[in-house]
Amino acid sequence: MAEQTPAAVRRTEEVMGTVFSFDVRGGNPEAVRAALDEAVAGLHRADAVFSTYREDSQLSRLARGEVTVDACDPEVASVLELAAQAELVSDGWFSPRYRGRLDPTGIVKGWAAERAARLLAEAGASGVSVNGGGDVQMYGSPGPQRPWRVGIADPLRPGGLAAVISAAGTERLAVATSGTAERGAHIVDPHTGRPAVTDLVAVTVTAPSLTWADCWATAAFAMGSQAALEWLESLPEVEALLITSGDEVRCTGGLAARLG
């Protein structure tokens, strides 16, 4: 007798200037719905704390020198520590500053989405997918013998797919993409303070953690394809797909195992 597909709970929420989509499978329905409410509330709290658009956010006040890190919520120190790690690992290609001002928002969305997904997994869900503006954190699976899959948009062919990433064989996987297709030249070269000008149009990174996948995709895009591919190959549990403006596709050595 075939195993029954777990019931699905789905929800969308506008926050952080984008749309977060939740797809949660299995677990105790009451516990899952309570955890989902808590996860959504956590996203709104993170937005309030880290928003660079709100003059009264803790991050804005910290950047102006009105408060110290110790006076902020503990998660501020945690995020700044993660951002400092990302800057170190990427040799400065990821930066928690923008035009000389403290701005770790490049890490916040991935961190917040990963935290939300983990909360739902810990509440007993057998499958969790949290999609924050196209960057996805997955736990478990949507059903028996069915892995989570994420389609990667082709930046040079609107409406087409460049690849499909499968989470088969892993309990936790994240997929993050940085590029110019959706938001134009918004990625900054931290070394010059100007928009990054490279041969890339998109970088998709897979890793267990969306916090890091998002950071590494941003940093890799700023580097350009040659330096990025060599650097991404050096990172443990990381695979990547790079697409150049000349329609050349470059991949890390282990990416093939994640396609499907």
Protein backbone atom coordinates (compact mmCIF):
# COMPACT_ATOMS: atom_id res chain seq x y z
CA MET A 1 0.00 0.00 0.00
CA ALA A 2 1.43 3.39 -1.02
CA GLU A 3 2.34 5.82 1.68
CA GLN A 4 -0.09 8.70 2.01
CA THR A 5 1.08 12.16 0.98
CA PRO A 6 1.20 14.46 4.05
CA ALA A 7 -1.36 17.26 4.24
CA ALA A 8 -0.10 20.62 3.02
CA VAL A 9 -0.38 23.99 4.74
CA ARG A 10 0.44 26.93 2.47
CA ARG A 11 0.67 30.64 3.15
CA THR A 12 2.09 33.77 1.53
CA GLU A 13 3.20 36.90 3.36
CA GLU A 14 4.40 40.27 2.08
CA VAL A 15 7.36 41.40 4.18
CA MET A 16 10.87 42.78 3.67
CA GLY A 17 9.80 44.28 0.37
CA THR A 18 9.09 40.88 -1.17
CA VAL A 19 6.74 37.90 -0.91
CA PHE A 20 7.51 34.91 1.29
CA SER A 21 5.78 31.64 0.38
CA PHE A 22 5.43 28.77 2.86
CA ASP A 23 4.69 25.17 1.91
CA VAL A 24 4.58 22.93 4.97
CA ARG A 25 3.83 19.20 4.93
CA GLY A 26 2.88 16.78 7.70
CA GLY A 27 3.16 17.16 11.45
CA ASN A 28 0.45 17.96 13.97
CA PRO A 29 -1.82 20.52 12.28
CA GLU A 30 -2.25 22.68 15.38
CA ALA A 31 1.48 22.69 16.14
CA VAL A 32 2.32 23.48 12.52
CA ARG A 33 -0.14 26.36 12.29
CA ALA A 34 1.11 27.81 15.57
CA ALA A 35 4.71 27.54 14.36
CA LEU A 36 3.72 29.14 11.04
CA ASP A 37 2.19 32.10 12.87
CA GLU A 38 5.38 32.41 14.92
CA ALA A 39 7.57 32.13 11.81
CA VAL A 40 5.65 34.90 10.02
CA ALA A 41 5.76 37.10 13.11
CA GLY A 42 9.52 36.52 13.24
CA LEU A 43 9.90 37.78 9.66
CA HIS A 44 8.04 40.98 10.52
CA ARG A 45 10.15 41.46 13.65
CA ALA A 46 13.33 41.02 11.62
CA ASP A 47 12.06 43.58 9.11
CA ALA A 48 11.34 46.06 11.89
CA VAL A 49 14.75 45.54 13.52
CA PHE A 50 16.93 45.50 10.38
CA SER A 51 15.10 47.78 7.95
CA THR A 52 17.28 50.50 6.42
CA TYR A 53 14.13 52.31 5.32
CA ARG A 54 12.80 52.87 8.84
CA GLU A 55 14.48 55.68 10.68
CA ASP A 56 13.52 54.15 14.04
CA SER A 57 14.76 50.60 13.33
CA GLN A 58 17.51 49.29 15.57
CA LEU A 59 19.82 48.98 12.58
CA SER A 60 19.24 52.60 11.52
CA ARG A 61 19.81 53.84 15.04
CA LEU A 62 22.94 51.67 15.34
CA ALA A 63 24.29 53.00 12.03
CA ARG A 64 23.80 56.58 13.28
CA GLY A 65 25.62 55.77 16.52
CA GLU A 66 22.57 56.40 18.68
CA VAL A 67 22.71 52.94 20.30
CA THR A 68 25.32 50.25 20.81
CA VAL A 69 25.06 46.64 19.67
CA ASP A 70 24.64 45.60 23.31
CA ALA A 71 21.55 47.83 23.56
CA CYS A 72 19.93 46.13 20.55
CA ASP A 73 18.10 42.81 20.40
CA PRO A 74 20.52 39.84 20.64
CA GLU A 75 19.77 38.89 17.04
CA VAL A 76 21.49 42.08 15.86
CA ALA A 77 24.81 40.91 17.28
CA SER A 78 24.21 37.44 15.81
CA VAL A 79 23.55 38.78 12.31
CA LEU A 80 26.53 41.15 12.44
CA GLU A 81 28.75 38.25 13.48
CA LEU A 82 27.49 36.15 10.56
CA ALA A 83 28.04 39.07 8.17
CA ALA A 84 31.60 39.48 9.44
CA GLN A 85 32.19 35.75 8.81
CA ALA A 86 30.83 36.10 5.27
CA GLU A 87 33.11 39.06 4.62
CA LEU A 88 36.12 37.07 5.84
CA VAL A 89 35.34 33.89 3.90
CA SER A 90 34.65 35.87 0.69
CA ASP A 91 37.80 37.98 1.03
CA GLY A 92 35.68 41.12 1.21
CA TRP A 93 33.43 40.36 -1.78
CA PHE A 94 30.50 40.23 0.63
CA SER A 95 30.25 43.32 2.81
CA PRO A 96 27.96 44.33 5.70
CA ARG A 97 28.37 47.96 4.65
CA TYR A 98 26.97 50.07 1.84
CA ARG A 99 28.68 53.31 0.86
CA GLY A 100 30.48 53.35 4.18
CA ARG A 101 27.32 52.85 6.24
CA LEU A 102 26.48 49.76 8.28
CA ASP A 103 24.05 47.72 6.17
CA PRO A 104 23.97 43.92 6.67
CA THR A 105 20.67 43.58 4.80
CA GLY A 106 22.41 41.38 2.21
CA ILE A 107 22.39 38.59 4.79
CA VAL A 108 19.14 39.32 6.64
CA LYS A 109 16.57 37.91 4.21
CA GLY A 110 18.34 34.55 3.85
CA TRP A 111 18.96 34.33 7.59
CA ALA A 112 15.33 35.18 8.39
CA ALA A 113 13.93 32.68 5.87
CA GLU A 114 16.23 29.94 7.16
CA ARG A 115 15.21 30.67 10.74
CA ALA A 116 11.52 30.50 9.77
CA ALA A 117 11.98 27.17 7.99
CA ARG A 118 13.92 25.70 10.92
CA LEU A 119 11.15 26.72 13.32
CA LEU A 120 8.60 24.79 11.26
CA ALA A 121 10.84 21.73 10.99
CA GLU A 122 11.39 21.77 14.74
CA ALA A 123 7.60 21.93 15.24
CA GLY A 124 7.36 18.47 13.66
CA ALA A 125 6.66 19.15 9.99
CA SER A 126 8.00 16.41 7.71
CA GLY A 127 8.57 18.80 4.82
CA VAL A 128 9.19 22.55 4.78
CA SER A 129 9.82 24.95 1.90
CA VAL A 130 10.18 28.67 2.59
CA ASN A 131 10.66 30.83 -0.50
CA GLY A 132 11.70 34.42 0.16
CA GLY A 133 11.67 36.33 -3.11
CA GLY A 134 13.07 33.38 -5.07
CA ASP A 135 15.59 32.17 -2.48
CA VAL A 136 14.49 28.91 -0.89
CA GLN A 137 15.21 26.95 2.29
CA MET A 138 13.98 23.36 2.32
CA TYR A 139 13.76 20.68 5.00
CA GLY A 140 12.61 17.07 4.62
CA SER A 141 10.40 16.32 1.62
CA PRO A 142 6.89 17.05 0.36
CA GLY A 143 5.94 13.37 0.39
CA PRO A 144 7.14 9.76 0.12
CA GLN A 145 9.77 9.33 -2.62
CA ARG A 146 9.24 12.97 -3.67
CA PRO A 147 12.03 15.50 -3.14
CA TRP A 148 11.60 19.25 -3.12
CA ARG A 149 12.52 20.81 -6.47
CA VAL A 150 13.34 24.43 -7.32
CA GLY A 151 13.24 25.82 -10.85
CA ILE A 152 15.99 28.30 -11.72
CA ALA A 153 14.79 31.02 -14.09
CA ASP A 154 16.81 31.50 -17.26
CA PRO A 155 17.97 35.16 -17.11
CA LEU A 156 18.42 35.31 -20.89
CA ARG A 157 15.10 33.66 -21.84
CA PRO A 158 12.17 35.13 -19.89
CA GLY A 159 9.73 32.41 -18.86
CA GLY A 160 12.28 29.64 -19.41
CA LEU A 161 14.22 27.53 -16.92
CA ALA A 162 17.99 27.27 -16.80
CA ALA A 163 17.90 24.24 -14.49
CA VAL A 164 15.89 22.41 -11.84
CA ILE A 165 17.58 21.81 -8.50
CA SER A 166 16.52 18.73 -6.52
CA ALA A 167 16.85 18.24 -2.78
CA ALA A 168 16.82 14.45 -3.19
CA GLY A 169 19.09 12.64 -0.77
CA THR A 170 19.46 15.52 1.65
CA GLU A 171 17.51 16.53 4.73
CA ARG A 172 18.24 20.24 4.31
CA LEU A 173 19.02 22.28 1.21
CA ALA A 174 18.94 25.94 0.26
CA VAL A 175 18.99 27.58 -3.17
CA ALA A 176 19.80 31.26 -3.72
CA THR A 177 20.24 33.27 -6.91
CA SER A 178 21.86 36.66 -7.48
CA GLY A 179 21.72 38.44 -10.79
CA THR A 180 20.55 41.37 -12.86
CA ALA A 181 17.42 39.92 -14.49
CA GLU A 182 14.91 40.93 -11.80
CA ARG A 183 16.37 44.04 -10.19
CA GLY A 184 18.96 45.31 -12.64
CA ALA A 185 22.50 46.24 -11.54
CA HIS A 186 21.81 46.29 -7.80
CA ILE A 187 24.85 44.27 -6.64
CA VAL A 188 27.73 46.45 -5.49
CA ASP A 189 31.44 45.69 -5.78
CA PRO A 190 32.50 46.29 -2.14
CA HIS A 191 36.02 47.18 -3.27
CA THR A 192 34.87 50.12 -5.41
CA GLY A 193 31.48 51.02 -3.95
CA ARG A 194 30.04 50.98 -7.48
CA PRO A 195 27.70 48.49 -9.20
CA ALA A 196 29.55 45.26 -9.93
CA VAL A 197 30.45 45.03 -13.62
CA THR A 198 31.24 41.42 -14.52
CA ASP A 199 30.59 38.88 -17.26
CA LEU A 200 27.81 37.28 -15.20
CA VAL A 201 24.05 37.69 -15.45
CA ALA A 202 23.15 35.15 -12.74
CA VAL A 203 24.69 32.96 -10.06
CA THR A 204 22.71 30.22 -8.32
CA VAL A 205 24.22 28.63 -5.21
CA THR A 206 23.09 25.53 -3.32
CA ALA A 207 24.15 24.85 0.27
CA PRO A 208 22.54 23.43 3.41
CA SER A 209 22.02 26.95 4.80
CA LEU A 210 20.18 29.77 3.02
CA THR A 211 22.08 32.31 5.14
CA TRP A 212 25.30 31.26 3.43
CA ALA A 213 23.89 30.36 0.02
CA ASP A 214 22.50 33.90 -0.31
CA CYS A 215 25.78 35.50 0.79
CA TRP A 216 27.88 33.32 -1.51
CA ALA A 217 25.66 34.02 -4.53
CA THR A 218 26.00 37.77 -3.97
CA ALA A 219 29.75 37.61 -3.46
CA ALA A 220 30.28 35.31 -6.45
CA PHE A 221 28.33 37.59 -8.75
CA ALA A 222 30.51 40.55 -7.80
CA MET A 223 33.67 38.51 -8.47
CA GLY A 224 32.94 37.51 -12.07
CA SER A 225 32.76 33.97 -13.43
CA GLN A 226 36.39 32.89 -13.41
CA ALA A 227 37.27 33.94 -9.86
CA ALA A 228 33.82 32.97 -8.58
CA LEU A 229 33.92 29.42 -9.91
CA GLU A 230 37.33 28.74 -8.37
CA TRP A 231 36.23 30.20 -5.04
CA LEU A 232 32.89 28.39 -4.94
CA GLU A 233 34.65 25.08 -5.66
CA SER A 234 36.67 25.62 -2.48
CA LEU A 235 33.64 25.92 -0.20
CA PRO A 236 32.40 22.75 1.54
CA GLU A 237 28.88 21.50 0.70
CA VAL A 238 28.44 24.27 -1.90
CA GLU A 239 27.53 23.84 -5.57
CA ALA A 240 26.76 26.53 -8.11
CA LEU A 241 25.47 27.36 -11.58
CA LEU A 242 26.86 30.50 -13.26
CA ILE A 243 25.42 32.05 -16.42
CA THR A 244 27.40 34.66 -18.34
CA SER A 245 26.11 37.45 -20.54
CA GLY A 246 27.48 35.47 -23.47
CA ASP A 247 25.07 32.62 -22.63
CA GLU A 248 27.85 30.39 -21.30
CA VAL A 249 26.92 28.09 -18.42
CA ARG A 250 29.60 27.20 -15.88
CA CYS A 251 29.07 24.79 -12.99
CA THR A 252 30.92 23.50 -9.96
CA GLY A 253 32.02 19.89 -10.17
CA GLY A 254 29.31 18.41 -7.98
CA LEU A 255 26.31 20.31 -9.31
CA ALA A 256 25.18 17.45 -11.55
CA ALA A 257 24.16 15.48 -8.44
CA ARG A 258 21.75 18.28 -7.51
CA LEU A 259 20.01 18.56 -10.90
CA GLY A 260 16.67 16.97 -11.53
